[in-house]
Amino acid sequence: MTVDSIWQPLREELMRWENAGRTAEFWLRDDDAVEPTPALDRLLALTGDFAVPVTLAVIPAVTDARLADRLSQAAHAAVAIHGWAHQNHAPGDQKKQELGAHRPRGAVLDELARGLSQIVRLHGERAVPMLVPPWNRIDAGLIDNLGSIGFTALSVYGPPKPAPIRVVNSNVDIMDWHGTRGCRDYSLLVQEIVARLQQAYDGGEPVGLLTHHLVHDEAAWIFLERLFEVTGRSRVCEWLPVSVLIDRRTKGGE
């Protein structure tokens, strides 16, 4: 299979949207930002070149004004709250969780409230009151209380579940966490994006791409650039800021 042919299924799916006069929607979430790094510079430059809004899930406990200063030069970047310290509190025989049921609920909510306050203080209007749980895991019992401490949205990974606040999930992860820990196979990623588009065509969620700039290998960067090129050449693709998706759910209800 040639490099170009890998992308043909996506081009064909986008042509279906174009023939139907419909718009294919995408959004981008990148996790674990803390400070300015060469990898963050590369992400911001790449997304800026293709006019792709990016939502950075920032870890409040370990970030500071250096990141805010860097993002002041990146109007296309928004900031969400990535838990508190991205610290695992689950026992060794369980999947990692910071926001699980392993600690008193009040203590966890206090940390999240502090995290939201920290991110808003540092980033101002760039901050989005959306919680991105570390490892995409959160105790269901906490979700009912998120609105009371200022959150208006939640973003994990996979199909959205009913919740008292807006849910804007990622649904395509480019990283092979259980294998190479680099970028996943391009053809499999394209197939998954096409599958998400087909679901969206029938009333499902937009394609929510999930990236982690700090651990990208070169293949991950090349994949993103090629994806942005393919979608950028299509007349029906639109990369949306997360605020648009949150506002849409606010007006339309859950």
C-alpha atoms as a PDB file:
ATOM      1  CA  MET A   1       0.000   0.000   0.000  1.00  0.00           C
ATOM      2  CA  THR A   2       1.423   3.378  -0.991  1.00  0.00           C
ATOM      3  CA  VAL A   3       1.524   6.329   1.378  1.00  0.00           C
ATOM      4  CA  ASP A   4      -1.013   8.167  -0.766  1.00  0.00           C
ATOM      5  CA  SER A   5      -3.430   5.231  -1.000  1.00  0.00           C
ATOM      6  CA  ILE A   6      -3.603   5.002   2.794  1.00  0.00           C
ATOM      7  CA  TRP A   7      -5.532   8.269   2.776  1.00  0.00           C
ATOM      8  CA  GLN A   8      -7.904   7.378  -0.062  1.00  0.00           C
ATOM      9  CA  PRO A   9     -10.679   6.009   2.207  1.00  0.00           C
ATOM     10  CA  LEU A  10     -10.771   9.348   4.020  1.00  0.00           C
ATOM     11  CA  ARG A  11     -10.900  11.296   0.761  1.00  0.00           C
ATOM     12  CA  GLU A  12     -13.771   9.112  -0.449  1.00  0.00           C
ATOM     13  CA  GLU A  13     -15.700   9.563   2.795  1.00  0.00           C
ATOM     14  CA  LEU A  14     -15.229  13.327   2.641  1.00  0.00           C
ATOM     15  CA  MET A  15     -16.471  13.292  -0.953  1.00  0.00           C
ATOM     16  CA  ARG A  16     -19.645  11.592   0.293  1.00  0.00           C
ATOM     17  CA  TRP A  17     -20.130  14.470   2.735  1.00  0.00           C
ATOM     18  CA  GLU A  18     -19.474  16.986  -0.020  1.00  0.00           C
ATOM     19  CA  ASN A  19     -21.991  15.361  -2.364  1.00  0.00           C
ATOM     20  CA  ALA A  20     -24.568  15.545   0.417  1.00  0.00           C
ATOM     21  CA  GLY A  21     -23.804  19.209   1.105  1.00  0.00           C
ATOM     22  CA  ARG A  22     -22.781  18.489   4.667  1.00  0.00           C
ATOM     23  CA  THR A  23     -19.881  19.617   6.876  1.00  0.00           C
ATOM     24  CA  ALA A  24     -17.538  17.073   8.508  1.00  0.00           C
ATOM     25  CA  GLU A  25     -16.519  18.333  11.941  1.00  0.00           C
ATOM     26  CA  PHE A  26     -13.274  17.649  13.797  1.00  0.00           C
ATOM     27  CA  TRP A  27     -11.722  18.897  17.033  1.00  0.00           C
ATOM     28  CA  LEU A  28      -8.308  18.392  18.631  1.00  0.00           C
ATOM     29  CA  ARG A  29      -7.390  17.755  22.276  1.00  0.00           C
ATOM     30  CA  ASP A  30      -3.772  17.426  23.393  1.00  0.00           C
ATOM     31  CA  ASP A  31      -3.006  16.213  26.927  1.00  0.00           C
ATOM     32  CA  ASP A  32      -0.336  16.832  29.593  1.00  0.00           C
ATOM     33  CA  ALA A  33       0.930  20.327  28.785  1.00  0.00           C
ATOM     34  CA  VAL A  34       2.789  21.974  31.671  1.00  0.00           C
ATOM     35  CA  GLU A  35       5.458  24.307  30.326  1.00  0.00           C
ATOM     36  CA  PRO A  36       6.957  25.565  27.059  1.00  0.00           C
ATOM     37  CA  THR A  37       8.949  22.831  25.306  1.00  0.00           C
ATOM     38  CA  PRO A  38      10.227  22.239  21.762  1.00  0.00           C
ATOM     39  CA  ALA A  39       7.437  19.665  21.347  1.00  0.00           C
ATOM     40  CA  LEU A  40       4.797  22.204  22.346  1.00  0.00           C
ATOM     41  CA  ASP A  41       6.324  24.731  19.967  1.00  0.00           C
ATOM     42  CA  ARG A  42       6.076  22.164  17.192  1.00  0.00           C
ATOM     43  CA  LEU A  43       2.432  21.412  18.013  1.00  0.00           C
ATOM     44  CA  LEU A  44       1.478  25.084  18.110  1.00  0.00           C
ATOM     45  CA  ALA A  45       3.334  25.812  14.874  1.00  0.00           C
ATOM     46  CA  LEU A  46       1.758  22.857  13.072  1.00  0.00           C
ATOM     47  CA  THR A  47      -1.782  23.596  14.210  1.00  0.00           C
ATOM     48  CA  GLY A  48      -1.270  27.293  13.565  1.00  0.00           C
ATOM     49  CA  ASP A  49      -0.072  26.680  10.008  1.00  0.00           C
ATOM     50  CA  PHE A  50      -3.264  24.748   9.224  1.00  0.00           C
ATOM     51  CA  ALA A  51      -5.610  26.943  11.299  1.00  0.00           C
ATOM     52  CA  VAL A  52      -6.544  23.989  13.536  1.00  0.00           C
ATOM     53  CA  PRO A  53      -7.789  25.075  16.996  1.00  0.00           C
ATOM     54  CA  VAL A  54      -6.196  22.999  19.747  1.00  0.00           C
ATOM     55  CA  THR A  55      -7.388  22.408  23.295  1.00  0.00           C
ATOM     56  CA  LEU A  56      -4.477  21.811  25.665  1.00  0.00           C
ATOM     57  CA  ALA A  57      -5.308  19.777  28.772  1.00  0.00           C
ATOM     58  CA  VAL A  58      -2.954  21.419  31.290  1.00  0.00           C
ATOM     59  CA  ILE A  59      -1.930  19.938  34.665  1.00  0.00           C
ATOM     60  CA  PRO A  60      -2.688  22.739  37.171  1.00  0.00           C
ATOM     61  CA  ALA A  61      -0.472  21.715  40.096  1.00  0.00           C
ATOM     62  CA  VAL A  62       2.754  21.809  38.105  1.00  0.00           C
ATOM     63  CA  THR A  63       2.231  24.613  35.587  1.00  0.00           C
ATOM     64  CA  ASP A  64       3.004  28.312  35.909  1.00  0.00           C
ATOM     65  CA  ALA A  65       3.102  31.632  34.073  1.00  0.00           C
ATOM     66  CA  ARG A  66       5.710  30.427  31.585  1.00  0.00           C
ATOM     67  CA  LEU A  67       3.078  28.406  29.746  1.00  0.00           C
ATOM     68  CA  ALA A  68       0.619  31.288  29.845  1.00  0.00           C
ATOM     69  CA  ASP A  69       3.260  33.585  28.369  1.00  0.00           C
ATOM     70  CA  ARG A  70       3.954  31.135  25.565  1.00  0.00           C
ATOM     71  CA  LEU A  71       0.279  30.664  24.749  1.00  0.00           C
ATOM     72  CA  SER A  72      -0.249  34.409  24.559  1.00  0.00           C
ATOM     73  CA  GLN A  73       1.380  34.034  21.133  1.00  0.00           C
ATOM     74  CA  ALA A  74      -0.994  31.248  20.066  1.00  0.00           C
ATOM     75  CA  ALA A  75      -4.509  32.625  19.603  1.00  0.00           C
ATOM     76  CA  HIS A  76      -5.756  29.243  18.320  1.00  0.00           C
ATOM     77  CA  ALA A  77      -5.000  27.433  21.617  1.00  0.00           C
ATOM     78  CA  ALA A  78      -7.471  26.969  24.473  1.00  0.00           C
ATOM     79  CA  VAL A  79      -6.700  25.510  27.904  1.00  0.00           C
ATOM     80  CA  ALA A  80      -8.691  22.875  29.797  1.00  0.00           C
ATOM     81  CA  ILE A  81      -7.995  21.423  33.252  1.00  0.00           C
ATOM     82  CA  HIS A  82      -6.203  18.066  33.348  1.00  0.00           C
ATOM     83  CA  GLY A  83      -7.107  16.901  36.837  1.00  0.00           C
ATOM     84  CA  TRP A  84      -4.946  18.389  39.579  1.00  0.00           C
ATOM     85  CA  ALA A  85      -1.451  16.810  39.639  1.00  0.00           C
ATOM     86  CA  HIS A  86      -1.885  13.816  37.287  1.00  0.00           C
ATOM     87  CA  GLN A  87      -1.057  11.592  40.269  1.00  0.00           C
ATOM     88  CA  ASN A  88      -2.243   8.018  40.568  1.00  0.00           C
ATOM     89  CA  HIS A  89      -4.104   7.138  43.786  1.00  0.00           C
ATOM     90  CA  ALA A  90      -5.308   3.665  42.786  1.00  0.00           C
ATOM     91  CA  PRO A  91      -3.760   0.478  44.189  1.00  0.00           C
ATOM     92  CA  GLY A  92      -1.244  -1.354  42.044  1.00  0.00           C
ATOM     93  CA  ASP A  93      -3.747  -3.984  40.931  1.00  0.00           C
ATOM     94  CA  GLN A  94      -6.123  -1.361  39.466  1.00  0.00           C
ATOM     95  CA  LYS A  95      -5.947   0.953  36.477  1.00  0.00           C
ATOM     96  CA  LYS A  96      -4.393   4.332  37.207  1.00  0.00           C
ATOM     97  CA  GLN A  97      -6.761   7.011  38.484  1.00  0.00           C
ATOM     98  CA  GLU A  98      -6.398  10.393  40.096  1.00  0.00           C
ATOM     99  CA  LEU A  99     -10.137  11.034  40.224  1.00  0.00           C
ATOM    100  CA  GLY A 100     -11.301   7.656  41.469  1.00  0.00           C
ATOM    101  CA  ALA A 101     -13.128   6.634  44.638  1.00  0.00           C
ATOM    102  CA  HIS A 102      -9.887   5.950  46.513  1.00  0.00           C
ATOM    103  CA  ARG A 103      -9.968   9.229  48.476  1.00  0.00           C
ATOM    104  CA  PRO A 104     -12.698  11.275  50.176  1.00  0.00           C
ATOM    105  CA  ARG A 105     -14.859  12.926  47.544  1.00  0.00           C
ATOM    106  CA  GLY A 106     -14.538  16.318  49.219  1.00  0.00           C
ATOM    107  CA  ALA A 107     -10.734  16.199  48.992  1.00  0.00           C
ATOM    108  CA  VAL A 108     -10.848  15.383  45.300  1.00  0.00           C
ATOM    109  CA  LEU A 109     -13.352  18.156  44.585  1.00  0.00           C
ATOM    110  CA  ASP A 110     -11.258  20.644  46.557  1.00  0.00           C
ATOM    111  CA  GLU A 111      -8.248  19.825  44.375  1.00  0.00           C
ATOM    112  CA  LEU A 112     -10.277  20.212  41.201  1.00  0.00           C
ATOM    113  CA  ALA A 113     -11.660  23.558  42.365  1.00  0.00           C
ATOM    114  CA  ARG A 114      -8.103  24.708  43.069  1.00  0.00           C
ATOM    115  CA  GLY A 115      -7.043  23.478  39.656  1.00  0.00           C
ATOM    116  CA  LEU A 116      -9.801  25.391  37.898  1.00  0.00           C
ATOM    117  CA  SER A 117      -8.946  28.543  39.852  1.00  0.00           C
ATOM    118  CA  GLN A 118      -5.256  28.164  38.967  1.00  0.00           C
ATOM    119  CA  ILE A 119      -5.909  27.711  35.252  1.00  0.00           C
ATOM    120  CA  VAL A 120      -8.343  30.635  35.078  1.00  0.00           C
ATOM    121  CA  ARG A 121      -5.894  32.849  36.989  1.00  0.00           C
ATOM    122  CA  LEU A 122      -3.052  31.994  34.619  1.00  0.00           C
ATOM    123  CA  HIS A 123      -4.900  31.854  31.315  1.00  0.00           C
ATOM    124  CA  GLY A 124      -7.912  34.131  31.673  1.00  0.00           C
ATOM    125  CA  GLU A 125     -10.305  33.985  28.730  1.00  0.00           C
ATOM    126  CA  ARG A 126      -8.209  31.251  27.110  1.00  0.00           C
ATOM    127  CA  ALA A 127      -9.273  28.898  29.926  1.00  0.00           C
ATOM    128  CA  VAL A 128     -12.233  26.615  29.250  1.00  0.00           C
ATOM    129  CA  PRO A 129     -14.036  25.260  32.365  1.00  0.00           C
ATOM    130  CA  MET A 130     -13.783  21.714  31.034  1.00  0.00           C
ATOM    131  CA  LEU A 131     -12.337  18.865  33.076  1.00  0.00           C
ATOM    132  CA  VAL A 132     -10.112  16.327  31.325  1.00  0.00           C
ATOM    133  CA  PRO A 133      -9.518  13.504  33.846  1.00  0.00           C
ATOM    134  CA  PRO A 134      -6.011  12.014  33.835  1.00  0.00           C
ATOM    135  CA  TRP A 135      -5.986   8.650  32.075  1.00  0.00           C
ATOM    136  CA  ASN A 136      -9.552   9.504  30.925  1.00  0.00           C
ATOM    137  CA  ARG A 137     -10.980   7.998  34.111  1.00  0.00           C
ATOM    138  CA  ILE A 138     -13.257   9.550  36.726  1.00  0.00           C
ATOM    139  CA  ASP A 139     -15.463   8.120  39.442  1.00  0.00           C
ATOM    140  CA  ALA A 140     -19.066   8.456  38.303  1.00  0.00           C
ATOM    141  CA  GLY A 141     -20.014   9.798  41.712  1.00  0.00           C
ATOM    142  CA  LEU A 142     -17.843  12.875  41.203  1.00  0.00           C
ATOM    143  CA  ILE A 143     -19.484  13.960  37.981  1.00  0.00           C
ATOM    144  CA  ASP A 144     -22.687  15.128  39.667  1.00  0.00           C
ATOM    145  CA  ASN A 145     -20.645  17.618  41.721  1.00  0.00           C
ATOM    146  CA  LEU A 146     -18.524  19.145  38.957  1.00  0.00           C
ATOM    147  CA  GLY A 147     -21.043  21.853  38.121  1.00  0.00           C
ATOM    148  CA  SER A 148     -21.101  23.063  41.727  1.00  0.00           C
ATOM    149  CA  ILE A 149     -17.364  23.888  41.604  1.00  0.00           C
ATOM    150  CA  GLY A 150     -17.496  25.706  38.286  1.00  0.00           C
ATOM    151  CA  PHE A 151     -17.068  23.130  35.541  1.00  0.00           C
ATOM    152  CA  THR A 152     -19.414  23.279  32.560  1.00  0.00           C
ATOM    153  CA  ALA A 153     -17.986  20.368  30.548  1.00  0.00           C
ATOM    154  CA  LEU A 154     -16.216  17.021  30.821  1.00  0.00           C
ATOM    155  CA  SER A 155     -13.983  15.335  28.260  1.00  0.00           C
ATOM    156  CA  VAL A 156     -12.857  11.715  28.461  1.00  0.00           C
ATOM    157  CA  TYR A 157     -12.329   9.141  25.708  1.00  0.00           C
ATOM    158  CA  GLY A 158     -14.943   7.130  23.864  1.00  0.00           C
ATOM    159  CA  PRO A 159     -18.701   7.388  23.354  1.00  0.00           C
ATOM    160  CA  PRO A 160     -20.308  10.066  25.549  1.00  0.00           C
ATOM    161  CA  LYS A 161     -22.470   8.980  28.466  1.00  0.00           C
ATOM    162  CA  PRO A 162     -25.333  11.022  29.939  1.00  0.00           C
ATOM    163  CA  ALA A 163     -24.100  13.537  32.517  1.00  0.00           C
ATOM    164  CA  PRO A 164     -25.388  16.673  34.283  1.00  0.00           C
ATOM    165  CA  ILE A 165     -22.779  18.778  32.438  1.00  0.00           C
ATOM    166  CA  ARG A 166     -21.771  18.822  28.787  1.00  0.00           C
ATOM    167  CA  VAL A 167     -19.665  15.902  27.567  1.00  0.00           C
ATOM    168  CA  VAL A 168     -17.259  16.509  24.678  1.00  0.00           C
ATOM    169  CA  ASN A 169     -15.188  13.377  24.231  1.00  0.00           C
ATOM    170  CA  SER A 170     -12.160  12.460  22.176  1.00  0.00           C
ATOM    171  CA  ASN A 171     -12.663   9.331  20.095  1.00  0.00           C
ATOM    172  CA  VAL A 172      -9.499   8.781  18.007  1.00  0.00           C
ATOM    173  CA  ASP A 173      -6.182   8.390  19.863  1.00  0.00           C
ATOM    174  CA  ILE A 174      -3.144   8.482  17.578  1.00  0.00           C
ATOM    175  CA  MET A 175      -0.795   6.793  20.083  1.00  0.00           C
ATOM    176  CA  ASP A 176      -0.152   3.048  20.402  1.00  0.00           C
ATOM    177  CA  TRP A 177      -0.027   2.957  24.201  1.00  0.00           C
ATOM    178  CA  HIS A 178      -0.025  -0.820  24.541  1.00  0.00           C
ATOM    179  CA  GLY A 179       2.446  -1.567  21.763  1.00  0.00           C
ATOM    180  CA  THR A 180       5.193   0.612  20.341  1.00  0.00           C
ATOM    181  CA  ARG A 181       4.159   3.676  22.412  1.00  0.00           C
ATOM    182  CA  GLY A 182       4.660   5.606  19.196  1.00  0.00           C
ATOM    183  CA  CYS A 183       2.145   6.525  16.528  1.00  0.00           C
ATOM    184  CA  ARG A 184      -0.400   3.883  15.583  1.00  0.00           C
ATOM    185  CA  ASP A 185      -0.429   2.360  12.117  1.00  0.00           C
ATOM    186  CA  TYR A 186      -1.534   5.031   9.639  1.00  0.00           C
ATOM    187  CA  SER A 187      -3.968   2.818   7.753  1.00  0.00           C
ATOM    188  CA  LEU A 188      -5.680   1.755  10.989  1.00  0.00           C
ATOM    189  CA  LEU A 189      -5.925   5.370  12.112  1.00  0.00           C
ATOM    190  CA  VAL A 190      -7.454   6.429   8.803  1.00  0.00           C
ATOM    191  CA  GLN A 191      -9.941   3.562   9.029  1.00  0.00           C
ATOM    192  CA  GLU A 192     -10.914   4.677  12.526  1.00  0.00           C
ATOM    193  CA  ILE A 193     -11.355   8.308  11.456  1.00  0.00           C
ATOM    194  CA  VAL A 194     -13.554   7.156   8.584  1.00  0.00           C
ATOM    195  CA  ALA A 195     -15.601   5.036  10.986  1.00  0.00           C
ATOM    196  CA  ARG A 196     -16.097   8.030  13.299  1.00  0.00           C
ATOM    197  CA  LEU A 197     -17.148  10.158  10.320  1.00  0.00           C
ATOM    198  CA  GLN A 198     -19.668   7.518   9.299  1.00  0.00           C
ATOM    199  CA  GLN A 199     -21.104   7.557  12.815  1.00  0.00           C
ATOM    200  CA  ALA A 200     -21.217  11.352  12.748  1.00  0.00           C
ATOM    201  CA  TYR A 201     -23.014  11.240   9.395  1.00  0.00           C
ATOM    202  CA  ASP A 202     -25.760   9.244  11.097  1.00  0.00           C
ATOM    203  CA  GLY A 203     -26.035  11.690  13.989  1.00  0.00           C
ATOM    204  CA  GLY A 204     -23.034  10.807  16.100  1.00  0.00           C
ATOM    205  CA  GLU A 205     -20.300  12.975  17.593  1.00  0.00           C
ATOM    206  CA  PRO A 206     -17.639  14.915  15.650  1.00  0.00           C
ATOM    207  CA  VAL A 207     -14.234  13.322  15.167  1.00  0.00           C
ATOM    208  CA  GLY A 208     -12.300  14.113  18.364  1.00  0.00           C
ATOM    209  CA  LEU A 209      -8.590  13.609  17.818  1.00  0.00           C
ATOM    210  CA  LEU A 210      -6.450  12.946  20.925  1.00  0.00           C
ATOM    211  CA  THR A 211      -2.712  13.668  20.946  1.00  0.00           C
ATOM    212  CA  HIS A 212       0.108  13.856  23.522  1.00  0.00           C
ATOM    213  CA  HIS A 213       2.795  16.192  22.157  1.00  0.00           C
ATOM    214  CA  LEU A 214       5.382  15.322  24.810  1.00  0.00           C
ATOM    215  CA  VAL A 215       5.659  11.689  23.690  1.00  0.00           C
ATOM    216  CA  HIS A 216       5.139  11.972  19.922  1.00  0.00           C
ATOM    217  CA  ASP A 217       7.598  10.142  17.730  1.00  0.00           C
ATOM    218  CA  GLU A 218       8.346  11.470  14.265  1.00  0.00           C
ATOM    219  CA  ALA A 219       5.634   9.254  12.778  1.00  0.00           C
ATOM    220  CA  ALA A 220       3.019  10.972  14.960  1.00  0.00           C
ATOM    221  CA  TRP A 221       4.056  14.418  13.750  1.00  0.00           C
ATOM    222  CA  ILE A 222       4.033  13.302  10.129  1.00  0.00           C
ATOM    223  CA  PHE A 223       0.592  11.742  10.568  1.00  0.00           C
ATOM    224  CA  LEU A 224      -0.842  14.959  11.990  1.00  0.00           C
ATOM    225  CA  GLU A 225       0.632  17.054   9.200  1.00  0.00           C
ATOM    226  CA  ARG A 226      -0.766  14.742   6.555  1.00  0.00           C
ATOM    227  CA  LEU A 227      -4.194  14.647   8.220  1.00  0.00           C
ATOM    228  CA  PHE A 228      -4.295  18.424   8.367  1.00  0.00           C
ATOM    229  CA  GLU A 229      -3.304  18.571   4.694  1.00  0.00           C
ATOM    230  CA  VAL A 230      -6.031  16.129   3.606  1.00  0.00           C
ATOM    231  CA  THR A 231      -8.752  17.791   5.656  1.00  0.00           C
ATOM    232  CA  GLY A 232      -7.505  21.246   4.679  1.00  0.00           C
ATOM    233  CA  ARG A 233      -7.900  20.440   0.987  1.00  0.00           C
ATOM    234  CA  SER A 234     -11.483  19.320   1.495  1.00  0.00           C
ATOM    235  CA  ARG A 235     -14.215  21.920   1.166  1.00  0.00           C
ATOM    236  CA  VAL A 236     -16.360  20.193   3.788  1.00  0.00           C
ATOM    237  CA  CYS A 237     -13.989  19.782   6.758  1.00  0.00           C
ATOM    238  CA  GLU A 238     -14.100  22.126   9.721  1.00  0.00           C
ATOM    239  CA  TRP A 239     -11.820  21.975  12.765  1.00  0.00           C
ATOM    240  CA  LEU A 240     -13.799  23.483  15.633  1.00  0.00           C
ATOM    241  CA  PRO A 241     -12.722  25.144  18.886  1.00  0.00           C
ATOM    242  CA  VAL A 242     -13.982  23.142  21.847  1.00  0.00           C
ATOM    243  CA  SER A 243     -15.936  26.211  23.026  1.00  0.00           C
ATOM    244  CA  VAL A 244     -18.200  25.862  19.985  1.00  0.00           C
ATOM    245  CA  LEU A 245     -19.003  22.249  20.873  1.00  0.00           C
ATOM    246  CA  ILE A 246     -19.648  23.124  24.513  1.00  0.00           C
ATOM    247  CA  ASP A 247     -21.872  26.049  23.560  1.00  0.00           C
ATOM    248  CA  ARG A 248     -23.789  23.878  21.110  1.00  0.00           C
ATOM    249  CA  ARG A 249     -24.622  21.438  23.874  1.00  0.00           C
ATOM    250  CA  THR A 250     -25.491  24.267  26.222  1.00  0.00           C
ATOM    251  CA  LYS A 251     -28.087  25.599  23.838  1.00  0.00           C
ATOM    252  CA  GLY A 252     -29.337  22.245  22.663  1.00  0.00           C
ATOM    253  CA  GLY A 253     -29.298  20.422  25.976  1.00  0.00           C
ATOM    254  CA  GLU A 254     -27.726  17.101  26.801  1.00  0.00           C
END
